[in-house]
C-alpha atoms as a PDB file:
ATOM      1  CA  MET A   1     109.927  79.907  92.232  1.00  0.00           C
ATOM      2  CA  LYS A   2     108.747  77.698  90.068  1.00  0.00           C
ATOM      3  CA  LYS A   3     106.703  74.953  91.141  1.00  0.00           C
ATOM      4  CA  ARG A   4     105.532  71.824  89.501  1.00  0.00           C
ATOM      5  CA  ARG A   5     102.174  69.818  89.921  1.00  0.00           C
ATOM      6  CA  LYS A   6     103.233  66.976  91.954  1.00  0.00           C
ATOM      7  CA  PRO A   7     100.185  63.721  92.622  1.00  0.00           C
ATOM      8  CA  VAL A   8      99.698  62.118  95.064  1.00  0.00           C
ATOM      9  CA  ARG A   9     101.223  59.602  95.031  1.00  0.00           C
ATOM     10  CA  THR A  10     104.517  60.559  94.773  1.00  0.00           C
ATOM     11  CA  GLY A  11     103.338  63.603  98.462  1.00  0.00           C
ATOM     12  CA  PHE A  12     105.219  60.653 100.242  1.00  0.00           C
ATOM     13  CA  LEU A  13     108.422  60.304  98.799  1.00  0.00           C
ATOM     14  CA  ILE A  14     108.867  63.975  98.024  1.00  0.00           C
ATOM     15  CA  GLU A  15     107.834  64.716 102.297  1.00  0.00           C
ATOM     16  CA  LYS A  16     109.649  62.347 103.551  1.00  0.00           C
ATOM     17  CA  LEU A  17     113.307  63.492 101.428  1.00  0.00           C
ATOM     18  CA  ARG A  18     112.052  67.597 101.812  1.00  0.00           C
ATOM     19  CA  GLY A  19     111.840  65.958 105.865  1.00  0.00           C
ATOM     20  CA  LYS A  20     115.618  64.256 105.617  1.00  0.00           C
ATOM     21  CA  ILE A  21     116.580  68.166 104.594  1.00  0.00           C
ATOM     22  CA  ILE A  22     114.654  70.291 106.128  1.00  0.00           C
ATOM     23  CA  SER A  23     115.549  68.095 109.712  1.00  0.00           C
ATOM     24  CA  GLY A  24     119.660  68.746 108.267  1.00  0.00           C
ATOM     25  CA  GLU A  25     119.622  64.763 107.553  1.00  0.00           C
ATOM     26  CA  TRP A  26     120.782  65.904 104.608  1.00  0.00           C
ATOM     27  CA  SER A  27     122.712  68.872 105.543  1.00  0.00           C
ATOM     28  CA  PRO A  28     123.913  70.966 102.513  1.00  0.00           C
ATOM     29  CA  GLY A  29     126.149  70.071  99.661  1.00  0.00           C
ATOM     30  CA  SER A  30     125.790  66.839 100.742  1.00  0.00           C
ATOM     31  CA  ARG A  31     124.892  64.058  98.353  1.00  0.00           C
ATOM     32  CA  LEU A  32     121.621  62.734  97.537  1.00  0.00           C
ATOM     33  CA  PRO A  33     121.412  58.243  97.654  1.00  0.00           C
ATOM     34  CA  THR A  34     120.787  57.501  94.401  1.00  0.00           C
ATOM     35  CA  ARG A  35     117.816  56.571  91.595  1.00  0.00           C
ATOM     36  CA  ARG A  36     119.032  53.313  91.670  1.00  0.00           C
ATOM     37  CA  GLU A  37     119.137  53.523  95.362  1.00  0.00           C
ATOM     38  CA  LEU A  38     116.670  55.345  96.141  1.00  0.00           C
ATOM     39  CA  ILE A  39     113.934  52.533  94.088  1.00  0.00           C
ATOM     40  CA  ARG A  40     115.360  50.255  96.427  1.00  0.00           C
ATOM     41  CA  SER A  41     115.028  51.628  99.317  1.00  0.00           C
ATOM     42  CA  HIS A  42     111.456  53.170  99.182  1.00  0.00           C
ATOM     43  CA  ARG A  43     110.318  50.719  96.414  1.00  0.00           C
ATOM     44  CA  THR A  44     109.386  52.247  93.774  1.00  0.00           C
ATOM     45  CA  SER A  45     109.989  52.858  90.789  1.00  0.00           C
ATOM     46  CA  LEU A  46     112.165  54.906  88.110  1.00  0.00           C
ATOM     47  CA  ALA A  47     109.328  57.519  87.072  1.00  0.00           C
ATOM     48  CA  THR A  48     108.242  58.366  90.682  1.00  0.00           C
ATOM     49  CA  VAL A  49     111.150  59.449  91.878  1.00  0.00           C
ATOM     50  CA  GLN A  50     113.014  61.191  88.772  1.00  0.00           C
ATOM     51  CA  LEU A  51     109.159  63.056  89.001  1.00  0.00           C
ATOM     52  CA  VAL A  52     110.257  63.265  93.079  1.00  0.00           C
ATOM     53  CA  LEU A  53     113.117  65.276  92.661  1.00  0.00           C
ATOM     54  CA  ALA A  54     111.761  67.229  90.205  1.00  0.00           C
ATOM     55  CA  ASN A  55     110.261  69.005  92.189  1.00  0.00           C
ATOM     56  CA  LEU A  56     112.593  69.024  94.499  1.00  0.00           C
ATOM     57  CA  GLU A  57     114.539  71.030  92.645  1.00  0.00           C
ATOM     58  CA  GLY A  58     111.842  73.084  91.427  1.00  0.00           C
ATOM     59  CA  ASP A  59     111.422  74.025  94.838  1.00  0.00           C
ATOM     60  CA  GLY A  60     114.935  74.700  95.245  1.00  0.00           C
ATOM     61  CA  PHE A  61     116.363  71.488  98.149  1.00  0.00           C
ATOM     62  CA  ILE A  62     118.123  70.374  95.444  1.00  0.00           C
ATOM     63  CA  GLU A  63     120.278  70.849  92.599  1.00  0.00           C
ATOM     64  CA  SER A  64     121.845  67.938  89.997  1.00  0.00           C
ATOM     65  CA  LYS A  65     124.710  67.707  88.768  1.00  0.00           C
ATOM     66  CA  GLY A  66     124.546  65.337  85.839  1.00  0.00           C
ATOM     67  CA  ARG A  67     126.884  62.129  86.080  1.00  0.00           C
ATOM     68  CA  GLY A  68     128.313  63.617  89.073  1.00  0.00           C
ATOM     69  CA  GLY A  69     125.048  63.196  91.129  1.00  0.00           C
ATOM     70  CA  THR A  70     122.297  64.961  93.100  1.00  0.00           C
ATOM     71  CA  PHE A  71     123.091  67.094  96.245  1.00  0.00           C
ATOM     72  CA  VAL A  72     121.005  69.035  99.285  1.00  0.00           C
ATOM     73  CA  SER A  73     121.240  72.971  97.235  1.00  0.00           C
ATOM     74  CA  GLN A  74     124.077  74.984  99.613  1.00  0.00           C
ATOM     75  CA  LYS A  75     121.382  76.943 100.006  1.00  0.00           C
ATOM     76  CA  PRO A  76     118.087  75.549 100.522  1.00  0.00           C
ATOM     77  CA  PRO A  77     115.128  77.847 100.892  1.00  0.00           C
ATOM     78  CA  HIS A  78     114.109  76.667 104.489  1.00  0.00           C
ATOM     79  CA  LEU A  79     116.915  78.384 105.456  1.00  0.00           C
ATOM     80  CA  CYS A  80     117.239  81.424 102.600  1.00  0.00           C
ATOM     81  CA  HIS A  81     114.321  81.678 100.998  1.00  0.00           C
ATOM     82  CA  TYR A  82     112.229  85.213 103.002  1.00  0.00           C
ATOM     83  CA  ALA A  83     108.342  86.215 101.379  1.00  0.00           C
ATOM     84  CA  LEU A  84     108.023  90.250 102.147  1.00  0.00           C
ATOM     85  CA  ILE A  85     104.752  89.865 101.861  1.00  0.00           C
ATOM     86  CA  PHE A  86     102.587  92.814 100.588  1.00  0.00           C
ATOM     87  CA  PHE A  87      99.057  93.268 100.858  1.00  0.00           C
ATOM     88  CA  GLU A  88      97.565  96.065  98.137  1.00  0.00           C
ATOM     89  CA  ASP A  89      99.223  94.948  94.367  1.00  0.00           C
ATOM     90  CA  TRP A  90     101.621  97.306  92.339  1.00  0.00           C
ATOM     91  CA  GLU A  91      99.653 101.046  90.940  1.00  0.00           C
ATOM     92  CA  ASN A  92      98.172 100.888  94.958  1.00  0.00           C
ATOM     93  CA  TRP A  93     101.749 101.305  96.924  1.00  0.00           C
ATOM     94  CA  GLY A  94     102.491 104.441  98.782  1.00  0.00           C
ATOM     95  CA  GLN A  95     106.256 105.118  99.441  1.00  0.00           C
ATOM     96  CA  TYR A  96     106.965 103.006 101.563  1.00  0.00           C
ATOM     97  CA  TRP A  97     106.411  99.702 100.026  1.00  0.00           C
ATOM     98  CA  ARG A  98     107.839 101.092  96.625  1.00  0.00           C
ATOM     99  CA  HIS A  99     111.189 101.979  98.689  1.00  0.00           C
ATOM    100  CA  LEU A 100     111.032  98.770 100.401  1.00  0.00           C
ATOM    101  CA  SER A 101     110.981  96.781  98.126  1.00  0.00           C
ATOM    102  CA  ASP A 102     113.313  98.306  96.219  1.00  0.00           C
ATOM    103  CA  ALA A 103     116.443  97.567  99.316  1.00  0.00           C
ATOM    104  CA  ALA A 104     115.131  93.825  99.113  1.00  0.00           C
ATOM    105  CA  GLN A 105     118.015  92.536  96.095  1.00  0.00           C
ATOM    106  CA  SER A 106     120.374  94.621  97.643  1.00  0.00           C
ATOM    107  CA  VAL A 107     120.089  93.203 101.331  1.00  0.00           C
ATOM    108  CA  SER A 108     119.556  89.391  99.458  1.00  0.00           C
ATOM    109  CA  ASP A 109     122.770  89.693  97.274  1.00  0.00           C
ATOM    110  CA  LYS A 110     124.830  91.541 100.353  1.00  0.00           C
ATOM    111  CA  GLN A 111     123.849  88.295 102.696  1.00  0.00           C
ATOM    112  CA  GLY A 112     123.876  85.613 100.416  1.00  0.00           C
ATOM    113  CA  ILE A 113     119.532  85.418 100.684  1.00  0.00           C
ATOM    114  CA  THR A 114     116.791  85.217  98.299  1.00  0.00           C
ATOM    115  CA  ILE A 115     114.128  87.506  99.486  1.00  0.00           C
ATOM    116  CA  ASP A 116     111.300  87.108  97.137  1.00  0.00           C
ATOM    117  CA  THR A 117     107.982  89.633  96.758  1.00  0.00           C
ATOM    118  CA  TYR A 118     104.520  88.456  97.552  1.00  0.00           C
ATOM    119  CA  THR A 119     101.813  91.460  96.179  1.00  0.00           C
ATOM    120  CA  GLY A 120      97.840  91.647  96.053  1.00  0.00           C
ATOM    121  CA  ILE A 121      97.876  88.975  99.964  1.00  0.00           C
ATOM    122  CA  ASN A 122      94.578  89.750 101.312  1.00  0.00           C
ATOM    123  CA  LEU A 123      91.205  87.785 101.539  1.00  0.00           C
ATOM    124  CA  GLU A 124      89.261  90.036  99.105  1.00  0.00           C
ATOM    125  CA  SER A 125      90.829  90.698  96.625  1.00  0.00           C
ATOM    126  CA  PRO A 126      93.939  88.836  96.442  1.00  0.00           C
ATOM    127  CA  GLY A 127      96.715  88.562  93.440  1.00  0.00           C
ATOM    128  CA  ALA A 128      98.447  86.751  91.294  1.00  0.00           C
ATOM    129  CA  ASP A 129     101.109  85.476  94.634  1.00  0.00           C
ATOM    130  CA  TYR A 130      98.449  84.494  97.102  1.00  0.00           C
ATOM    131  CA  GLN A 131      98.178  81.585  95.773  1.00  0.00           C
ATOM    132  CA  ARG A 132     102.491  80.881  95.349  1.00  0.00           C
ATOM    133  CA  LEU A 133     102.331  82.091  99.288  1.00  0.00           C
ATOM    134  CA  LEU A 134     100.098  79.356  99.954  1.00  0.00           C
ATOM    135  CA  ASP A 135     102.370  76.338  97.674  1.00  0.00           C
ATOM    136  CA  ASP A 136     104.937  78.104  99.074  1.00  0.00           C
ATOM    137  CA  ILE A 137     104.254  77.583 102.520  1.00  0.00           C
ATOM    138  CA  GLU A 138     102.765  74.077 102.262  1.00  0.00           C
ATOM    139  CA  ASN A 139     105.467  72.887 100.553  1.00  0.00           C
ATOM    140  CA  GLU A 140     107.768  74.344 103.430  1.00  0.00           C
ATOM    141  CA  CYS A 141     110.122  76.671 101.379  1.00  0.00           C
ATOM    142  CA  LEU A 142     110.547  79.940 103.119  1.00  0.00           C
ATOM    143  CA  ALA A 143     111.761  80.287 105.945  1.00  0.00           C
ATOM    144  CA  GLY A 144     109.692  83.056 106.699  1.00  0.00           C
ATOM    145  CA  LEU A 145     107.648  85.989 106.360  1.00  0.00           C
ATOM    146  CA  MET A 146     108.066  89.341 106.705  1.00  0.00           C
ATOM    147  CA  PHE A 147     104.612  91.239 106.783  1.00  0.00           C
ATOM    148  CA  THR A 148     104.723  95.086 105.663  1.00  0.00           C
ATOM    149  CA  ASN A 149     102.179  96.610 107.907  1.00  0.00           C
ATOM    150  CA  LEU A 150     100.759  94.327 110.570  1.00  0.00           C
ATOM    151  CA  PRO A 151      98.597  91.075 109.276  1.00  0.00           C
ATOM    152  CA  HIS A 152      95.033  91.237 110.951  1.00  0.00           C
ATOM    153  CA  HIS A 153      93.157  90.765 107.825  1.00  0.00           C
ATOM    154  CA  LEU A 154      95.107  87.314 107.420  1.00  0.00           C
ATOM    155  CA  LYS A 155      93.766  85.924 110.558  1.00  0.00           C
ATOM    156  CA  GLY A 156      93.308  81.887 110.760  1.00  0.00           C
ATOM    157  CA  THR A 157      94.752  81.516 107.400  1.00  0.00           C
ATOM    158  CA  THR A 158      97.377  79.172 106.747  1.00  0.00           C
ATOM    159  CA  ILE A 159      99.527  81.846 105.975  1.00  0.00           C
ATOM    160  CA  LEU A 160      99.158  82.629 110.233  1.00  0.00           C
ATOM    161  CA  ASP A 161      98.779  79.552 111.649  1.00  0.00           C
ATOM    162  CA  HIS A 162     100.945  77.324 110.013  1.00  0.00           C
ATOM    163  CA  PRO A 163     103.062  75.754 112.766  1.00  0.00           C
ATOM    164  CA  GLY A 164     106.847  76.536 112.568  1.00  0.00           C
ATOM    165  CA  LEU A 165     107.105  79.148 110.267  1.00  0.00           C
ATOM    166  CA  ALA A 166     108.605  82.041 111.395  1.00  0.00           C
ATOM    167  CA  ARG A 167     107.149  85.736 110.945  1.00  0.00           C
ATOM    168  CA  VAL A 168     107.488  89.313 112.410  1.00  0.00           C
ATOM    169  CA  ALA A 169     105.188  92.413 111.050  1.00  0.00           C
ATOM    170  CA  PHE A 170     106.202  96.023 110.793  1.00  0.00           C
ATOM    171  CA  SER A 171     103.459  96.878 113.462  1.00  0.00           C
ATOM    172  CA  ARG A 172     103.379  99.432 117.195  1.00  0.00           C
ATOM    173  CA  ASN A 173     101.043  96.647 118.202  1.00  0.00           C
ATOM    174  CA  PRO A 174     103.841  94.620 119.637  1.00  0.00           C
ATOM    175  CA  ASN A 175     100.984  92.364 121.230  1.00  0.00           C
ATOM    176  CA  TRP A 176      98.394  91.299 118.864  1.00  0.00           C
ATOM    177  CA  ASN A 177     100.001  88.067 118.309  1.00  0.00           C
ATOM    178  CA  LYS A 178     102.454  86.425 121.137  1.00  0.00           C
ATOM    179  CA  ASP A 179     104.212  84.209 118.242  1.00  0.00           C
ATOM    180  CA  LEU A 180     104.611  87.024 115.974  1.00  0.00           C
ATOM    181  CA  ALA A 181     107.943  89.232 116.577  1.00  0.00           C
ATOM    182  CA  TYR A 182     107.516  92.974 115.535  1.00  0.00           C
ATOM    183  CA  VAL A 183     109.584  96.082 114.686  1.00  0.00           C
ATOM    184  CA  SER A 184     108.247  99.239 114.173  1.00  0.00           C
ATOM    185  CA  LEU A 185     109.401 103.288 113.726  1.00  0.00           C
ATOM    186  CA  ASP A 186     111.193 105.616 116.251  1.00  0.00           C
ATOM    187  CA  GLU A 187     109.169 108.202 115.744  1.00  0.00           C
ATOM    188  CA  GLU A 188     111.072 110.408 118.664  1.00  0.00           C
ATOM    189  CA  SER A 189     114.482 109.656 117.207  1.00  0.00           C
ATOM    190  CA  PHE A 190     112.847 111.833 114.092  1.00  0.00           C
ATOM    191  CA  SER A 191     111.841 114.701 116.289  1.00  0.00           C
ATOM    192  CA  GLU A 192     114.228 115.088 118.664  1.00  0.00           C
ATOM    193  CA  LYS A 193     116.869 114.518 115.583  1.00  0.00           C
ATOM    194  CA  ALA A 194     114.453 117.405 113.122  1.00  0.00           C
ATOM    195  CA  ILE A 195     114.798 119.538 115.968  1.00  0.00           C
ATOM    196  CA  LYS A 196     118.297 119.856 116.673  1.00  0.00           C
ATOM    197  CA  HIS A 197     118.400 120.873 112.989  1.00  0.00           C
ATOM    198  CA  LEU A 198     116.080 123.390 113.079  1.00  0.00           C
ATOM    199  CA  LYS A 199     118.397 124.565 115.755  1.00  0.00           C
ATOM    200  CA  GLU A 200     121.304 125.082 114.419  1.00  0.00           C
ATOM    201  CA  THR A 201     120.529 125.961 111.055  1.00  0.00           C
ATOM    202  CA  LYS A 202     118.521 128.840 113.398  1.00  0.00           C
ATOM    203  CA  CYS A 203     115.140 128.946 113.160  1.00  0.00           C
ATOM    204  CA  SER A 204     112.698 129.692 114.955  1.00  0.00           C
ATOM    205  CA  SER A 205     108.880 128.903 113.822  1.00  0.00           C
ATOM    206  CA  THR A 206     108.288 126.003 111.703  1.00  0.00           C
ATOM    207  CA  ALA A 207     105.327 124.703 109.552  1.00  0.00           C
ATOM    208  CA  ILE A 208     104.171 121.010 109.047  1.00  0.00           C
ATOM    209  CA  LEU A 209     102.743 119.078 106.827  1.00  0.00           C
ATOM    210  CA  SER A 210     101.607 115.792 107.342  1.00  0.00           C
ATOM    211  CA  HIS A 211      98.491 113.749 106.950  1.00  0.00           C
ATOM    212  CA  LEU A 212      95.327 113.216 108.393  1.00  0.00           C
ATOM    213  CA  GLY A 213      95.101 111.033 110.596  1.00  0.00           C
ATOM    214  CA  ASN A 214      99.443 111.391 112.375  1.00  0.00           C
ATOM    215  CA  ASP A 215      99.380 112.085 115.775  1.00  0.00           C
ATOM    216  CA  LEU A 216     100.930 115.563 115.508  1.00  0.00           C
ATOM    217  CA  THR A 217     100.991 115.969 119.457  1.00  0.00           C
ATOM    218  CA  PRO A 218     104.698 114.292 120.275  1.00  0.00           C
ATOM    219  CA  LEU A 219     106.386 116.898 117.819  1.00  0.00           C
ATOM    220  CA  LEU A 220     104.557 119.919 118.656  1.00  0.00           C
ATOM    221  CA  SER A 221     105.424 119.604 122.004  1.00  0.00           C
ATOM    222  CA  ARG A 222     108.916 118.993 121.150  1.00  0.00           C
ATOM    223  CA  LEU A 223     108.961 122.239 119.444  1.00  0.00           C
ATOM    224  CA  LYS A 224     107.567 124.006 121.467  1.00  0.00           C
ATOM    225  CA  LYS A 225     110.050 122.642 124.304  1.00  0.00           C
ATOM    226  CA  ALA A 226     112.968 123.822 122.544  1.00  0.00           C
ATOM    227  CA  GLY A 227     111.282 127.175 121.665  1.00  0.00           C
ATOM    228  CA  ILE A 228     110.283 127.060 118.565  1.00  0.00           C
ATOM    229  CA  SER A 229     106.838 127.592 117.166  1.00  0.00           C
ATOM    230  CA  CYS A 230     104.377 126.442 114.942  1.00  0.00           C
ATOM    231  CA  PRO A 231     101.191 127.554 115.063  1.00  0.00           C
ATOM    232  CA  TYR A 232      97.892 126.361 114.283  1.00  0.00           C
ATOM    233  CA  HIS A 233      96.971 127.722 111.304  1.00  0.00           C
ATOM    234  CA  PHE A 234     101.066 126.071 110.155  1.00  0.00           C
ATOM    235  CA  GLN A 235      99.907 123.153 110.983  1.00  0.00           C
ATOM    236  CA  GLN A 236      98.287 121.126 108.170  1.00  0.00           C
ATOM    237  CA  ALA A 237      97.621 117.508 106.346  1.00  0.00           C
ATOM    238  CA  VAL A 238      95.675 116.336 103.062  1.00  0.00           C
ATOM    239  CA  SER A 239      94.289 113.296 102.610  1.00  0.00           C
ATOM    240  CA  LEU A 240      96.512 110.123 101.125  1.00  0.00           C
ATOM    241  CA  ASP A 241      94.318 109.385  98.919  1.00  0.00           C
ATOM    242  CA  GLN A 242      94.725 113.373  97.477  1.00  0.00           C
ATOM    243  CA  PRO A 243      97.964 114.396  97.790  1.00  0.00           C
ATOM    244  CA  GLU A 244      97.691 117.140  95.618  1.00  0.00           C
ATOM    245  CA  TRP A 245      96.414 119.527  97.665  1.00  0.00           C
ATOM    246  CA  GLY A 246      99.273 119.957  99.133  1.00  0.00           C
ATOM    247  CA  LYS A 247     100.572 122.269  96.589  1.00  0.00           C
ATOM    248  CA  ASN A 248      98.349 124.070  97.094  1.00  0.00           C
ATOM    249  CA  ILE A 249      98.395 124.616 101.122  1.00  0.00           C
ATOM    250  CA  ILE A 250     102.627 124.882 100.797  1.00  0.00           C
ATOM    251  CA  ARG A 251     101.154 127.516  97.976  1.00  0.00           C
ATOM    252  CA  TYR A 252      99.247 130.056 100.916  1.00  0.00           C
ATOM    253  CA  MET A 253     101.251 129.250 103.769  1.00  0.00           C
ATOM    254  CA  PHE A 254     104.508 130.587 101.970  1.00  0.00           C
ATOM    255  CA  ASP A 255     102.621 133.543  99.997  1.00  0.00           C
ATOM    256  CA  LYS A 256     105.093 135.965  99.675  1.00  0.00           C
ATOM    257  CA  ASN A 257     102.742 138.945 100.756  1.00  0.00           C
ATOM    258  CA  ALA A 258     102.798 137.101 103.936  1.00  0.00           C
ATOM    259  CA  LYS A 259     104.256 136.267 106.779  1.00  0.00           C
ATOM    260  CA  HIS A 260     105.433 132.466 106.500  1.00  0.00           C
ATOM    261  CA  PRO A 261     108.098 130.059 108.766  1.00  0.00           C
ATOM    262  CA  ASP A 262     111.571 130.367 108.581  1.00  0.00           C
ATOM    263  CA  ALA A 263     110.958 126.332 108.237  1.00  0.00           C
ATOM    264  CA  LEU A 264     108.917 123.340 107.216  1.00  0.00           C
ATOM    265  CA  ILE A 265     108.538 120.202 107.779  1.00  0.00           C
ATOM    266  CA  ILE A 266     107.552 117.592 106.243  1.00  0.00           C
ATOM    267  CA  TYR A 267     106.082 114.431 108.195  1.00  0.00           C
ATOM    268  CA  ASP A 268     105.015 112.245 104.944  1.00  0.00           C
ATOM    269  CA  ASP A 269     107.346 110.807 101.793  1.00  0.00           C
ATOM    270  CA  ASN A 270     103.825 110.362  99.542  1.00  0.00           C
ATOM    271  CA  ILE A 271     103.206 114.585  99.571  1.00  0.00           C
ATOM    272  CA  VAL A 272     106.604 115.616  99.763  1.00  0.00           C
ATOM    273  CA  ASP A 273     106.866 115.839  95.899  1.00  0.00           C
ATOM    274  CA  PHE A 274     103.792 118.435  96.039  1.00  0.00           C
ATOM    275  CA  ALA A 275     105.028 119.938  98.948  1.00  0.00           C
ATOM    276  CA  MET A 276     107.713 120.722  96.991  1.00  0.00           C
ATOM    277  CA  ALA A 277     105.848 122.138  93.830  1.00  0.00           C
ATOM    278  CA  GLY A 278     103.548 124.459  96.256  1.00  0.00           C
ATOM    279  CA  ILE A 279     107.680 126.499  97.108  1.00  0.00           C
ATOM    280  CA  LEU A 280     108.971 125.928  93.883  1.00  0.00           C
ATOM    281  CA  ASP A 281     105.501 128.099  93.097  1.00  0.00           C
ATOM    282  CA  ALA A 282     105.383 130.242  96.027  1.00  0.00           C
ATOM    283  CA  GLY A 283     109.463 131.251  95.102  1.00  0.00           C
ATOM    284  CA  VAL A 284     110.723 131.366  98.874  1.00  0.00           C
ATOM    285  CA  ASP A 285     113.548 130.416 100.639  1.00  0.00           C
ATOM    286  CA  VAL A 286     113.571 128.425 103.550  1.00  0.00           C
ATOM    287  CA  GLU A 287     114.602 125.675 105.918  1.00  0.00           C
ATOM    288  CA  ILE A 288     112.737 122.139 104.182  1.00  0.00           C
ATOM    289  CA  ILE A 289     113.692 118.986 106.644  1.00  0.00           C
ATOM    290  CA  ALA A 290     111.747 116.259 104.344  1.00  0.00           C
ATOM    291  CA  HIS A 291     110.329 112.371 105.389  1.00  0.00           C
ATOM    292  CA  ALA A 292     112.067 110.078 102.902  1.00  0.00           C
ATOM    293  CA  ASN A 293     112.271 106.417 103.435  1.00  0.00           C
ATOM    294  CA  PHE A 294     116.208 105.545 102.221  1.00  0.00           C
ATOM    295  CA  PRO A 295     117.033 104.921  98.927  1.00  0.00           C
ATOM    296  CA  TRP A 296     115.549 108.609  98.191  1.00  0.00           C
ATOM    297  CA  VAL A 297     115.627 109.448  94.434  1.00  0.00           C
ATOM    298  CA  ASP A 298     115.253 112.918  95.162  1.00  0.00           C
ATOM    299  CA  CYS A 299     113.033 114.661  91.150  1.00  0.00           C
ATOM    300  CA  SER A 300     112.108 117.966  93.319  1.00  0.00           C
ATOM    301  CA  GLY A 301     114.725 120.394  92.560  1.00  0.00           C
ATOM    302  CA  VAL A 302     114.283 121.911  95.464  1.00  0.00           C
ATOM    303  CA  PRO A 303     117.017 122.134  98.338  1.00  0.00           C
ATOM    304  CA  HIS A 304     116.101 120.139 101.534  1.00  0.00           C
ATOM    305  CA  THR A 305     117.349 117.704 104.447  1.00  0.00           C
ATOM    306  CA  ARG A 306     116.077 114.318 103.835  1.00  0.00           C
ATOM    307  CA  LEU A 307     115.502 112.828 107.436  1.00  0.00           C
ATOM    308  CA  GLY A 308     113.652 109.411 108.192  1.00  0.00           C
ATOM    309  CA  TYR A 309     113.922 105.387 107.619  1.00  0.00           C
ATOM    310  CA  ASP A 310     116.461 102.719 105.820  1.00  0.00           C
ATOM    311  CA  MET A 311     114.409 100.544 104.007  1.00  0.00           C
ATOM    312  CA  HIS A 312     117.605  98.310 104.551  1.00  0.00           C
ATOM    313  CA  GLU A 313     118.217  98.705 108.440  1.00  0.00           C
ATOM    314  CA  LEU A 314     114.216  97.500 108.615  1.00  0.00           C
ATOM    315  CA  LEU A 315     115.223  95.012 106.270  1.00  0.00           C
ATOM    316  CA  ARG A 316     117.413  93.637 108.813  1.00  0.00           C
ATOM    317  CA  ILE A 317     115.632  93.927 111.907  1.00  0.00           C
ATOM    318  CA  PHE A 318     113.323  92.139 110.034  1.00  0.00           C
ATOM    319  CA  LEU A 319     115.722  89.330 109.627  1.00  0.00           C
ATOM    320  CA  SER A 320     117.652  89.343 112.797  1.00  0.00           C
ATOM    321  CA  GLN A 321     113.773  88.608 114.245  1.00  0.00           C
ATOM    322  CA  LEU A 322     113.599  85.876 111.579  1.00  0.00           C
ATOM    323  CA  LYS A 323     116.496  84.117 113.143  1.00  0.00           C
ATOM    324  CA  SER A 324     115.904  84.381 116.550  1.00  0.00           C
ATOM    325  CA  LEU A 325     112.560  82.292 116.045  1.00  0.00           C
ATOM    326  CA  ASN A 326     114.048  80.027 114.380  1.00  0.00           C
ATOM    327  CA  GLN A 327     116.789  79.719 116.976  1.00  0.00           C
ATOM    328  CA  ASN A 328     113.637  79.146 119.550  1.00  0.00           C
ATOM    329  CA  LYS A 329     114.561  82.638 120.988  1.00  0.00           C
ATOM    330  CA  LYS A 330     111.452  85.623 122.210  1.00  0.00           C
ATOM    331  CA  PRO A 331     112.190  88.222 120.314  1.00  0.00           C
ATOM    332  CA  ARG A 332     111.289  92.010 121.999  1.00  0.00           C
ATOM    333  CA  ALA A 333     109.735  94.531 119.254  1.00  0.00           C
ATOM    334  CA  LYS A 334     112.262  96.187 117.684  1.00  0.00           C
ATOM    335  CA  LEU A 335     112.196  99.918 116.215  1.00  0.00           C
ATOM    336  CA  LEU A 336     113.875 101.110 113.923  1.00  0.00           C
ATOM    337  CA  LYS A 337     115.689 104.854 114.752  1.00  0.00           C
ATOM    338  CA  ALA A 338     115.129 107.282 112.206  1.00  0.00           C
ATOM    339  CA  CYS A 339     118.592 108.946 110.647  1.00  0.00           C
ATOM    340  CA  PHE A 340     119.542 111.829 108.193  1.00  0.00           C
ATOM    341  CA  GLU A 341     121.137 110.301 104.362  1.00  0.00           C
ATOM    342  CA  SER A 342     124.008 111.897 105.636  1.00  0.00           C
ATOM    343  CA  GLU A 343     124.614 108.708 108.081  1.00  0.00           C
ATOM    344  CA  LEU A 344     123.511 106.093 105.744  1.00  0.00           C
ATOM    345  CA  THR A 345     125.791 102.919 105.660  1.00  0.00           C
ATOM    346  CA  ASP A 346     124.000 101.847 102.722  1.00  0.00           C
ATOM    347  CA  LYS A 347     123.817 104.280  99.638  1.00  0.00           C
END
């Protein structure tokens, strides 16, 4: 959203007129007083009024219809403009962030709002969007902030402390900040659906390829209870910094000359392509469940079942949490359930 630099002398009038819009005294679509009326009621000059109106229009609060007058926007930013906040710049994004960003435009269009992406929002190496976000917060141009991870590194900044601004974070820790709403993944639903699929396809054993640090204990426990074996040598992980090693691991686990399991669960979308390349090299026919953040575009050429999380639905939950906060309600932490690609409502 393009901003115009405003001299100090106009600041008071900008805040006053903007306050009338935010408070609802001037409702969306209502006509503003004429320039002549503003000059007279505020004892100011035409140049100042013009500059004030230009600032408000640049921020999206009003729109000019020429001789027809100036009106409050039908969708002013404090009601319809949301920030989707990423802590890293584009080049450092993983699949979750990329797919969430891709889904934002579709959800924006369907809900008639604006979801604006801000990247590099961190204190160590702030990106170009950092100051833009601060400006939008200061100018009250946002209806809410959506953090794509827990914003612990922003503690003590206006991004977290600006009063009256609704915020929601993607995190498993709902007690970190009592003023935030929270959304996290329902990993239990992923395990349940994966195991049900393996049983339906009559798989009695499976391998798992995950990323380092991911706790597989709950999934392994459920596999054992379901009678599906996953011995220790079929439980492997790679670093997300070097996911390409997943190809070698899969090639080794599914060697034609060795006994291999009936199935493979790829437990992180960032390593799916490398795991699929290993399956192609191994030349084996195996049931594959691949974690995915939807929408997903498959380029692997290997038959598999995608199971994961709908980024459209995640954004809708984010927005519902922010709506509750803006209505002075205290939302509970919510879970996003896993789904198969065939179950998606947005395709």
